[in-house]
Each structure stands twice: as structure tokens, then as C-alpha cells.
Amino acid sequence: MFRLLPPLAILAAVAGCAYPGTPPALPPANAPAPLASPVASAAKVPVTIMVSIDGFHPDYLDRGITPNLSRLAAEGVTGPMLPSFPTKTYPNHWTLVTGLRPDRHDITANTIEDPARPGEIFTMATDDPAWWNAAAPVWVTAEKAGIRTASMFWPGSVVGWGGVRSSDWPYTVIGGTRPTDWQAYTQQMPDTNRVRVVLDWMRRPAATRPRLVLTYFDIVDTYGHQYGPVSPQVNTAIADVDRAIGELVAGLAAQAQPANLIIVSDHGMAATSSDRVIALDQLMPATDARIVEAGPYATFAPLPGRDAAVAATLLKPHPHLTCWRKSEIPARFHYGRSPRVPPFLCLAKDGWVTAKTSPTKPFSRGEHGYDNAAPEMRALFIASGPAFASGRRVEQFDNVSVAPLLRTLLDLPADPTLDGTDSPFRSVMKRP
């Protein structure tokens, strides 16, 4: 595998190169990275690129199969990042770009019911702005400030934020803001193609080149769910994504495009099995409550007149499961104020899962959604580029600090209403 550029001289070589139609070829394995050209680098303004690797636990860097990510971590800035609760994909991706916890930005789960929208259910395919409008993502703030942005599959970036969706076909969104360039998600697009789209955006003239780019890789999470976090399949996915990161860094270097890379994950992954399942139909009669969501945590909505019965059933001690009324969820979770959080929450012990019924066949796979302080749920954070010092670590921080960091990199004003600040990174950032 080729050597990555040192972060302080990152991403500048072969001034004036362009590759119409095809991406640049990668150097041979173990070949040295092209030397930086200070003159070429100075000609381009640094861009900010945030990459999400869904389900990537930071310990995956210790498996010896991530030469590109490990080099970025060693020569840039890294440190343990805590996801927000619940440790699910959409709540945490929205936290990463809003700087608010799920209880405030209202994307409170991957599956959501809202008392204000009876008969509707939010899923990961929902693009009606009404579900998303509680908190503006950083690309909306940037676009309104005249900063061009682009998104390659970031969850929520297809939404016309702030707009209103028509109730009639073709359900046009009136008003609203999206990134200037965006792609609707399809899992079928290979990672290398996603990288090529980002590199194509970087080839544009300065007037149309985005200054903020977000992109997303899903395969590590997908294989983690299917086969478990210690499986050979997950190792294959990790290595594939690492190669894609290498293509991105090499492509930026070939274009002499300086970039601040922020590489994150939304959560980690825990091993589960059919031997550690809590069957909810044996815990709660269907005549008392409706199950809203099941998995590492379960949520319940009592049927009319059955609130007391549900409380009596759930709030007593259970093996491998702890339950609360939403108003009594421990404060450290920062969860339960949103009207979209169901009336009762039950959290399984790490490695256990809830299910509507007992499994009918054995399984061994991975899950996330547990206590956000659980070691298995820790998230990846790497920062590398001209704005960052070299070879530094930061103390453990919450992922609500990532959006404020992006605002700093884009020269947007700090927002005191957010749940996080850029303070975890101030000591490792270079000031102009």
C-alpha cells in the first residue's frame, strides 16, 4: 500500500493535473507518496471533507489491515469519541452535523412515531422536511453564508431542510435548503465510486468547488450486523474502506488540493447471539402495550388505560434489562424530553438484545444501540490536514463537538445554543 502524505504537507502534488473521465491510478504497493508542492498548494483554498464509516469501532485500527487510516491517525489527531444515545445511525449522523443531541434535534431513533403526526412513521427513507426541521445541519448554515457544500450519501442530506412538502403527488418540497451538490443514497454504489464523485467535485474551478464535502461508507456496519464485529467478513469490509480512504487521499494529492479530513463513525458494534435474547412477548402482554422499537433497546407505547399495568410490568427488576418511564431516564443519557421518545424505554445489557418473539434459529451477529458509554459503542475520530497539529491525541469527548469543529474550519461563527463546542480540539489546531 502506498504511503500517505504527512498531514502538515498533505494533498499537494502534480500541479495543474486533471483527469477527464477516469481517476488517477494509484501508486504501486509501498511506493512513497508524491512530494507536496507548496506553490501548488498555495494556489488552492483548503477544503473540509468529513467521511463517515458507519459502525467502525476505533479498535478496528489495531487489526493491522488499515494502513491508510492508521497513518492518518498516527500523523494527525485522534482520540476516543462518545456517540450520543441512542447509539443508532440516524440519530448520531444528525448529531454530527447539528451539534445537538437526539433529544433536541428530534431524530430520536431510526424508527420514530410522533404524536403530532398520527398514522405516520419515520424510517431511514423518510425525506419529508417536517421530520427534520428541528435543527439545521451545518451545510444549511454554510450555504446560507455563501459557502458551497456537497454530500455523497450523508444521512439526511437529501432533505430540503426548512421546506414544506406538498401532500399531493409528486410531493414537491417548497422552499428548503440542501447542499448545492448531493447524491441520493444507494447501497449498491461501490466505495471507490463514491470517492470518485468526491474527487470530481474537487476538480472543479474554485468558483464551483465545494468547500465542505460529506461522504458515507456503510459496508463495515452492514457486515458487522450480518456476521459480528470479529468476523472475517468485517475485516474484509474494513480493508476495503481503508483502500477507499487511500484513493481519496491520493486523488487529492494528485490534484494539489489541500484538505482537512475529518473521519468519524456514528457508533461501534457489539457481538450478540441467539443465546442472549429477551423475548418481549414473554415480558409484556400485547393487550397492554405496543412495541415501537426492539433491539439493544426497546420502546413501548401503552394502549389506552393500560399505563399503570405497563409501569407495573416494566419498572420492576429484570435480568439483563433495565426499564424507565421516559421522564425518569438517567440524565447522563440526555434523552426523554422529545415528544418523539415513547413513554417507556428498556435498555438491554451489552451483548443482549430484545426481540418481539424468541428466535426460531440460531444466530451470531452484531448490534448497536446500547449505552453510549459502553466501550463497544465508542466511535472513530481522526482529523488530518493543514488545520491540525501532527501526531496528537485528544481526551475523550462527545460527538456533539464535531459540528462546532466543522463551523470553525469553515470560519462560521460559533453557535452558543449547541450542545457542544470545539474546545476538545483547540489545543491541536493550527491558528492562522
Protein backbone atom coordinates (compact mmCIF):
# COMPACT_ATOMS: atom_id res chain seq x y z
CA MET A 1 0.00 0.00 0.00
CA PHE A 2 1.29 3.46 -0.84
CA ARG A 3 2.48 5.82 1.88
CA LEU A 4 0.11 8.57 2.94
CA LEU A 5 1.21 12.18 2.88
CA PRO A 6 2.18 13.71 6.21
CA PRO A 7 -0.78 15.80 7.37
CA LEU A 8 1.19 19.06 7.56
CA ALA A 9 2.13 18.84 3.90
CA ILE A 10 -0.97 16.97 2.86
CA LEU A 11 -2.54 16.62 -0.50
CA ALA A 12 -0.44 18.66 -2.91
CA ALA A 13 1.41 17.30 -5.95
CA VAL A 14 1.50 17.36 -9.73
CA ALA A 15 0.31 20.94 -10.10
CA GLY A 16 -2.40 21.52 -12.66
CA CYS A 17 -3.21 17.83 -13.22
CA ALA A 18 -6.74 16.95 -14.32
CA TYR A 19 -8.16 13.57 -15.17
CA PRO A 20 -11.09 13.85 -17.56
CA GLY A 21 -13.25 10.77 -17.43
CA THR A 22 -11.04 8.49 -15.29
CA PRO A 23 -9.48 8.79 -11.83
CA PRO A 24 -5.72 8.82 -11.30
CA ALA A 25 -4.01 5.45 -10.99
CA LEU A 26 -2.84 4.53 -7.50
CA PRO A 27 0.90 4.20 -6.88
CA PRO A 28 2.29 0.67 -6.52
CA ALA A 29 2.14 -1.00 -3.13
CA ASN A 30 4.61 0.54 -0.64
CA ALA A 31 5.56 3.30 -3.07
CA PRO A 32 6.33 6.64 -1.41
CA ALA A 33 3.63 9.28 -1.64
CA PRO A 34 4.24 12.10 -4.10
CA LEU A 35 6.02 15.05 -2.57
CA ALA A 36 3.97 18.11 -1.73
CA SER A 37 4.29 21.21 -3.87
CA PRO A 38 4.00 24.31 -1.67
CA VAL A 39 3.43 26.54 -4.69
CA ALA A 40 0.60 24.38 -5.99
CA SER A 41 -0.95 24.03 -2.52
CA ALA A 42 -0.96 27.76 -2.01
CA ALA A 43 -3.00 28.19 -5.18
CA LYS A 44 -6.00 26.35 -3.71
CA VAL A 45 -8.02 27.07 -0.61
CA PRO A 46 -8.20 24.07 1.75
CA VAL A 47 -11.48 22.21 1.69
CA THR A 48 -13.07 20.30 4.56
CA ILE A 49 -14.10 16.69 3.90
CA MET A 50 -15.91 14.68 6.55
CA VAL A 51 -16.09 10.93 5.99
CA SER A 52 -18.39 8.66 7.99
CA ILE A 53 -17.57 4.96 8.23
CA ASP A 54 -20.76 3.54 9.70
CA GLY A 55 -20.22 1.12 12.57
CA PHE A 56 -16.42 1.47 12.64
CA HIS A 57 -15.11 0.85 16.15
CA PRO A 58 -11.77 2.61 16.79
CA ASP A 59 -10.20 -0.69 17.86
CA TYR A 60 -10.51 -1.83 14.24
CA LEU A 61 -7.38 0.25 13.65
CA ASP A 62 -5.45 -2.29 15.74
CA ARG A 63 -6.07 -5.21 13.39
CA GLY A 64 -3.19 -4.44 11.05
CA ILE A 65 -5.40 -4.04 7.96
CA THR A 66 -5.82 -0.24 7.85
CA PRO A 67 -2.53 1.27 6.62
CA ASN A 68 -4.21 4.45 5.35
CA LEU A 69 -6.47 5.17 8.31
CA SER A 70 -3.75 4.20 10.78
CA ARG A 71 -1.28 6.57 9.11
CA LEU A 72 -3.79 9.42 9.24
CA ALA A 73 -4.45 8.69 12.91
CA ALA A 74 -0.75 8.46 13.77
CA GLU A 75 0.26 11.61 11.91
CA GLY A 76 -2.85 13.66 12.59
CA VAL A 77 -5.19 13.98 15.56
CA THR A 78 -7.21 11.19 17.10
CA GLY A 79 -8.95 10.33 20.35
CA PRO A 80 -11.91 8.45 21.83
CA MET A 81 -15.29 9.85 20.81
CA LEU A 82 -18.52 9.00 22.60
CA PRO A 83 -21.64 8.71 20.44
CA SER A 84 -24.95 10.09 21.60
CA PHE A 85 -27.73 7.92 22.96
CA PRO A 86 -29.33 6.04 21.33
CA THR A 87 -26.30 4.65 19.56
CA LYS A 88 -28.13 4.34 16.25
CA THR A 89 -27.21 5.51 12.77
CA TYR A 90 -29.60 8.36 12.01
CA PRO A 91 -29.64 9.99 15.46
CA ASN A 92 -25.84 10.11 15.53
CA HIS A 93 -25.31 11.23 11.96
CA TRP A 94 -27.69 14.12 12.62
CA THR A 95 -25.85 14.95 15.84
CA LEU A 96 -22.53 15.02 13.99
CA VAL A 97 -23.79 17.74 11.65
CA THR A 98 -26.04 19.72 14.02
CA GLY A 99 -24.08 19.72 17.29
CA LEU A 100 -27.26 18.77 19.15
CA ARG A 101 -28.16 15.56 20.92
CA PRO A 102 -31.04 13.47 19.54
CA ASP A 103 -33.40 14.72 22.23
CA ARG A 104 -33.02 18.25 20.83
CA HIS A 105 -32.68 17.69 17.08
CA ASP A 106 -35.64 15.25 17.21
CA ILE A 107 -34.19 12.45 15.07
CA THR A 108 -34.52 10.30 18.16
CA ALA A 109 -34.25 6.82 16.60
CA ASN A 110 -34.07 5.03 13.27
CA THR A 111 -37.82 4.35 13.59
CA ILE A 112 -39.91 7.16 15.09
CA GLU A 113 -43.52 7.90 15.91
CA ASP A 114 -44.64 11.46 16.60
CA PRO A 115 -47.85 12.33 18.50
CA ALA A 116 -48.13 15.40 16.28
CA ARG A 117 -48.14 13.21 13.15
CA PRO A 118 -50.55 10.35 13.91
CA GLY A 119 -50.53 7.49 11.46
CA GLU A 120 -47.03 8.32 10.16
CA ILE A 121 -43.79 6.51 10.92
CA PHE A 122 -40.31 7.89 10.35
CA THR A 123 -37.89 5.42 8.78
CA MET A 124 -34.41 5.82 7.33
CA ALA A 125 -36.06 6.51 3.95
CA THR A 126 -38.10 9.48 5.20
CA ASP A 127 -37.28 12.76 3.44
CA ASP A 128 -40.26 14.90 4.49
CA PRO A 129 -38.66 18.03 6.00
CA ALA A 130 -41.31 18.12 8.72
CA TRP A 131 -39.47 15.30 10.48
CA TRP A 132 -36.07 17.02 10.21
CA ASN A 133 -36.71 20.72 10.65
CA ALA A 134 -36.00 20.97 14.40
CA ALA A 135 -32.27 21.56 13.87
CA ALA A 136 -30.26 22.91 10.95
CA PRO A 137 -27.30 20.81 9.76
CA VAL A 138 -24.00 22.55 9.15
CA TRP A 139 -24.42 22.53 5.36
CA VAL A 140 -27.55 24.68 5.69
CA THR A 141 -25.67 27.23 7.79
CA ALA A 142 -22.80 27.16 5.31
CA GLU A 143 -24.99 27.52 2.21
CA LYS A 144 -26.79 30.48 3.76
CA ALA A 145 -23.39 32.05 4.41
CA GLY A 146 -22.44 31.62 0.75
CA ILE A 147 -20.23 28.57 1.26
CA ARG A 148 -20.78 25.86 -1.32
CA THR A 149 -21.31 22.34 0.09
CA ALA A 150 -21.72 18.83 -1.29
CA SER A 151 -22.88 15.49 0.12
CA MET A 152 -22.25 11.99 -1.12
CA PHE A 153 -24.87 9.93 0.77
CA TRP A 154 -24.70 11.63 4.21
CA PRO A 155 -27.92 10.65 6.04
CA GLY A 156 -30.45 13.47 5.85
CA SER A 157 -28.70 15.43 3.11
CA VAL A 158 -31.45 14.69 0.57
CA VAL A 159 -33.91 16.62 2.73
CA GLY A 160 -34.93 20.13 1.69
CA TRP A 161 -34.30 21.40 5.20
CA GLY A 162 -36.71 24.11 6.33
CA GLY A 163 -39.10 23.40 3.48
CA VAL A 164 -42.67 22.12 3.38
CA ARG A 165 -43.62 19.00 1.47
CA SER A 166 -46.76 19.01 -0.63
CA SER A 167 -49.39 16.47 0.40
CA ASP A 168 -50.10 15.62 -3.26
CA TRP A 169 -48.00 13.74 -5.79
CA PRO A 170 -45.21 14.40 -6.76
CA TYR A 171 -44.81 15.65 -3.16
CA THR A 172 -42.75 18.68 -4.13
CA VAL A 173 -40.83 20.37 -1.32
CA ILE A 174 -41.49 24.10 -1.33
CA GLY A 175 -38.55 26.11 -0.04
CA GLY A 176 -35.86 24.38 1.92
CA THR A 177 -32.08 24.12 1.62
CA ARG A 178 -29.90 21.21 0.55
CA PRO A 179 -26.20 21.01 -0.23
CA THR A 180 -25.51 22.52 -3.64
CA ASP A 181 -24.50 19.06 -4.83
CA TRP A 182 -25.96 15.88 -3.36
CA GLN A 183 -26.50 12.24 -4.20
CA ALA A 184 -29.42 10.11 -3.02
CA TYR A 185 -28.22 7.03 -1.16
CA THR A 186 -27.96 3.63 -2.78
CA GLN A 187 -26.09 0.83 -1.08
CA GLN A 188 -25.24 -0.62 -4.48
CA MET A 189 -22.69 2.09 -5.30
CA PRO A 190 -19.17 0.76 -4.59
CA ASP A 191 -17.00 2.75 -2.20
CA THR A 192 -14.48 3.57 -4.91
CA ASN A 193 -17.23 5.18 -7.00
CA ARG A 194 -18.21 7.34 -4.03
CA VAL A 195 -14.62 8.51 -3.77
CA ARG A 196 -14.52 9.32 -7.48
CA VAL A 197 -17.57 11.56 -7.15
CA VAL A 198 -15.86 13.50 -4.36
CA LEU A 199 -12.68 13.82 -6.42
CA ASP A 200 -14.69 15.02 -9.40
CA TRP A 201 -16.15 17.79 -7.24
CA MET A 202 -12.60 18.77 -6.29
CA ARG A 203 -11.60 19.10 -9.96
CA ARG A 204 -13.99 22.00 -10.45
CA PRO A 205 -12.82 25.59 -10.73
CA ALA A 206 -12.63 27.49 -7.45
CA ALA A 207 -15.96 29.24 -8.06
CA THR A 208 -17.91 25.96 -8.13
CA ARG A 209 -15.71 23.75 -5.98
CA PRO A 210 -17.42 22.87 -2.66
CA ARG A 211 -15.60 23.93 0.50
CA LEU A 212 -17.43 21.38 2.63
CA VAL A 213 -17.95 17.79 1.47
CA LEU A 214 -19.53 14.93 3.40
CA THR A 215 -19.47 11.29 2.35
CA TYR A 216 -20.53 7.98 3.83
CA PHE A 217 -19.46 4.31 3.75
CA ASP A 218 -21.91 1.68 5.03
CA ILE A 219 -20.25 -1.69 4.41
CA VAL A 220 -18.46 -2.06 7.78
CA ASP A 221 -21.77 -1.62 9.60
CA THR A 222 -23.62 -3.93 7.22
CA TYR A 223 -21.14 -6.78 7.63
CA GLY A 224 -20.92 -6.09 11.36
CA HIS A 225 -24.66 -6.67 11.67
CA GLN A 226 -24.64 -9.75 9.48
CA TYR A 227 -21.57 -11.56 10.77
CA GLY A 228 -20.46 -9.88 14.01
CA PRO A 229 -17.59 -7.48 14.72
CA VAL A 230 -14.82 -10.12 14.90
CA SER A 231 -15.74 -11.90 11.67
CA PRO A 232 -13.52 -12.30 8.59
CA GLN A 233 -16.23 -10.51 6.60
CA VAL A 234 -15.89 -7.41 8.76
CA ASN A 235 -12.14 -7.48 8.27
CA THR A 236 -12.69 -7.56 4.52
CA ALA A 237 -15.03 -4.56 4.78
CA ILE A 238 -12.54 -2.66 6.95
CA ALA A 239 -9.76 -3.25 4.43
CA ASP A 240 -12.00 -2.21 1.53
CA VAL A 241 -12.94 1.07 3.18
CA ASP A 242 -9.31 1.72 4.08
CA ARG A 243 -8.39 1.34 0.41
CA ALA A 244 -11.14 3.82 -0.49
CA ILE A 245 -9.68 6.32 2.00
CA GLY A 246 -6.29 5.76 0.39
CA GLU A 247 -7.79 6.53 -3.04
CA LEU A 248 -9.29 9.72 -1.66
CA VAL A 249 -6.01 10.93 -0.17
CA ALA A 250 -4.02 10.01 -3.29
CA GLY A 251 -6.55 11.68 -5.55
CA LEU A 252 -6.50 14.89 -3.56
CA ALA A 253 -2.71 14.88 -3.61
CA ALA A 254 -2.66 14.40 -7.37
CA GLN A 255 -4.89 17.47 -7.72
CA ALA A 256 -2.76 19.51 -5.32
CA GLN A 257 -5.93 20.10 -3.32
CA PRO A 258 -5.25 20.79 0.38
CA ALA A 259 -7.91 19.25 2.60
CA ASN A 260 -8.79 18.94 6.24
CA LEU A 261 -10.06 15.37 6.58
CA ILE A 262 -12.42 14.54 9.44
CA ILE A 263 -13.02 10.78 9.59
CA VAL A 264 -15.69 9.61 12.01
CA SER A 265 -18.08 6.81 12.79
CA ASP A 266 -21.53 7.05 14.30
CA HIS A 267 -21.07 4.21 16.81
CA GLY A 268 -19.26 0.93 17.34
CA MET A 269 -20.57 -2.63 17.26
CA ALA A 270 -21.17 -5.34 19.88
CA ALA A 271 -21.34 -9.09 19.36
CA THR A 272 -24.74 -10.71 20.00
CA SER A 273 -26.17 -14.19 19.67
CA SER A 274 -29.41 -16.15 19.84
CA ASP A 275 -28.36 -17.23 23.35
CA ARG A 276 -28.79 -13.65 24.59
CA VAL A 277 -32.30 -12.66 23.50
CA ILE A 278 -35.06 -11.17 25.66
CA ALA A 279 -38.44 -12.09 24.13
CA LEU A 280 -40.76 -9.13 24.64
CA ASP A 281 -43.95 -11.14 24.11
CA GLN A 282 -43.00 -13.03 27.28
CA LEU A 283 -42.39 -9.78 29.13
CA MET A 284 -45.36 -7.64 28.12
CA PRO A 285 -48.84 -8.76 27.02
CA ALA A 286 -49.85 -7.40 23.63
CA THR A 287 -53.08 -6.21 25.25
CA ASP A 288 -51.12 -3.74 27.41
CA ALA A 289 -48.67 -2.01 25.08
CA ARG A 290 -47.46 -1.68 21.53
CA ILE A 291 -43.76 -2.25 20.83
CA VAL A 292 -42.42 0.76 18.94
CA GLU A 293 -38.85 -0.47 18.52
CA ALA A 294 -36.85 -3.52 19.57
CA GLY A 295 -33.18 -4.47 19.59
CA PRO A 296 -30.48 -3.39 22.06
CA TYR A 297 -33.20 -1.19 23.49
CA ALA A 298 -36.97 -1.47 23.30
CA THR A 299 -39.61 1.26 23.49
CA PHE A 300 -43.26 0.85 24.37
CA ALA A 301 -46.46 2.85 23.94
CA PRO A 302 -49.17 1.77 26.43
CA LEU A 303 -52.59 1.09 24.98
CA PRO A 304 -55.45 3.27 26.30
CA GLY A 305 -55.99 2.78 30.01
CA ARG A 306 -53.02 0.43 30.42
CA ASP A 307 -50.29 2.84 31.55
CA ALA A 308 -50.32 1.61 35.15
CA ALA A 309 -50.21 -2.02 34.08
CA VAL A 310 -47.29 -1.33 31.76
CA ALA A 311 -45.44 0.51 34.53
CA ALA A 312 -46.02 -2.37 36.95
CA THR A 313 -44.62 -4.85 34.44
CA LEU A 314 -41.62 -2.89 33.16
CA LEU A 315 -40.37 -0.97 36.16
CA LYS A 316 -39.61 -3.98 38.32
CA PRO A 317 -36.16 -5.68 38.08
CA HIS A 318 -35.48 -7.84 35.03
CA PRO A 319 -32.47 -9.99 34.13
CA HIS A 320 -30.26 -8.24 31.55
CA LEU A 321 -32.77 -5.38 31.08
CA THR A 322 -33.44 -2.03 32.77
CA CYS A 323 -36.62 -0.04 32.09
CA TRP A 324 -37.67 3.56 32.78
CA ARG A 325 -40.50 5.93 32.15
CA LYS A 326 -39.22 8.48 29.65
CA SER A 327 -39.33 11.17 32.37
CA GLU A 328 -37.06 9.05 34.57
CA ILE A 329 -34.36 8.06 32.08
CA PRO A 330 -30.99 8.83 33.74
CA ALA A 331 -29.80 12.36 33.00
CA ARG A 332 -26.49 11.17 31.56
CA PHE A 333 -28.34 9.85 28.50
CA HIS A 334 -29.74 13.32 27.69
CA TYR A 335 -32.82 11.52 26.41
CA GLY A 336 -36.52 11.63 27.08
CA ARG A 337 -37.60 15.24 26.64
CA SER A 338 -38.58 14.98 23.00
CA PRO A 339 -42.24 14.14 22.36
CA ARG A 340 -40.94 11.59 19.86
CA VAL A 341 -39.44 9.41 22.60
CA PRO A 342 -42.05 6.75 23.51
CA PRO A 343 -43.41 6.63 27.08
CA PHE A 344 -41.25 3.67 28.21
CA LEU A 345 -37.66 2.74 27.38
CA CYS A 346 -35.94 -0.57 28.23
CA LEU A 347 -32.17 -0.88 27.69
CA ALA A 348 -30.56 -4.31 27.37
CA LYS A 349 -27.27 -5.24 28.93
CA ASP A 350 -24.39 -5.00 26.48
CA GLY A 351 -24.45 -8.00 24.13
CA TRP A 352 -28.10 -8.81 24.86
CA VAL A 353 -30.95 -7.87 22.55
CA THR A 354 -34.70 -7.61 22.79
CA ALA A 355 -36.95 -9.11 20.14
CA LYS A 356 -40.70 -9.32 19.70
CA THR A 357 -40.53 -13.11 19.99
CA SER A 358 -37.92 -15.76 20.72
CA PRO A 359 -35.60 -16.56 17.78
CA THR A 360 -36.55 -19.57 15.69
CA LYS A 361 -32.99 -20.39 14.61
CA PRO A 362 -29.50 -19.75 15.99
CA PHE A 363 -27.64 -16.60 15.04
CA SER A 364 -24.39 -14.79 15.80
CA ARG A 365 -24.20 -11.20 14.61
CA GLY A 366 -23.57 -7.61 15.71
CA GLU A 367 -25.74 -4.82 17.10
CA HIS A 368 -25.54 -1.24 18.28
CA GLY A 369 -27.96 0.91 20.23
CA TYR A 370 -26.56 0.20 23.70
CA ASP A 371 -25.49 2.59 26.45
CA ASN A 372 -23.38 5.23 24.72
CA ALA A 373 -20.75 4.90 27.47
CA ALA A 374 -20.25 1.19 26.71
CA PRO A 375 -16.73 0.50 25.36
CA GLU A 376 -18.17 -1.45 22.40
CA MET A 377 -20.10 1.66 21.28
CA ARG A 378 -17.13 4.03 21.08
CA ALA A 379 -16.82 5.89 17.79
CA LEU A 380 -13.90 6.66 15.48
CA PHE A 381 -12.41 10.14 15.21
CA ILE A 382 -9.43 11.14 13.06
CA ALA A 383 -8.54 14.65 11.88
CA SER A 384 -5.70 15.38 9.47
CA GLY A 385 -4.78 18.34 7.33
CA PRO A 386 -3.28 21.83 7.35
CA ALA A 387 -5.51 23.00 10.23
CA PHE A 388 -4.29 20.29 12.61
CA ALA A 389 -1.11 19.54 14.53
CA SER A 390 0.75 16.31 13.84
CA GLY A 391 0.77 13.19 15.97
CA ARG A 392 -1.56 14.39 18.72
CA ARG A 393 -4.29 12.79 20.82
CA VAL A 394 -7.25 14.45 22.49
CA GLU A 395 -9.08 13.37 25.62
CA GLN A 396 -12.41 11.57 25.35
CA PHE A 397 -15.16 13.87 24.05
CA ASP A 398 -18.81 13.72 22.99
CA ASN A 399 -19.71 13.74 19.31
CA VAL A 400 -21.71 16.97 19.74
CA SER A 401 -18.31 18.70 19.37
CA VAL A 402 -17.84 17.67 15.73
CA ALA A 403 -20.32 20.14 14.20
CA PRO A 404 -18.72 23.08 16.07
CA LEU A 405 -15.33 21.91 14.75
CA LEU A 406 -16.70 21.99 11.19
CA ARG A 407 -18.00 25.52 11.78
CA THR A 408 -14.53 26.58 12.93
CA LEU A 409 -12.88 25.07 9.86
CA LEU A 410 -15.37 26.92 7.64
CA ASP A 411 -14.94 30.23 9.51
CA LEU A 412 -18.58 30.18 10.56
CA PRO A 413 -19.41 31.88 13.86
CA ALA A 414 -19.73 29.73 16.96
CA ASP A 415 -23.30 28.92 18.00
CA PRO A 416 -23.75 29.04 21.79
CA THR A 417 -27.09 27.24 21.57
CA LEU A 418 -25.45 23.95 20.52
CA ASP A 419 -24.79 21.10 22.94
CA GLY A 420 -21.08 21.05 22.09
CA THR A 421 -18.17 23.38 21.33
CA ASP A 422 -14.87 22.96 19.50
CA SER A 423 -12.99 23.11 22.83
CA PRO A 424 -11.73 19.47 22.66
CA PHE A 425 -9.70 20.43 19.56
CA ARG A 426 -8.41 23.91 20.31
CA SER A 427 -5.05 22.70 21.60
CA VAL A 428 -4.40 20.61 18.48
CA MET A 429 -5.43 23.11 15.83
CA LYS A 430 -3.14 25.49 14.00
CA ARG A 431 -4.25 29.08 14.01
CA PRO A 432 -3.65 31.34 11.01
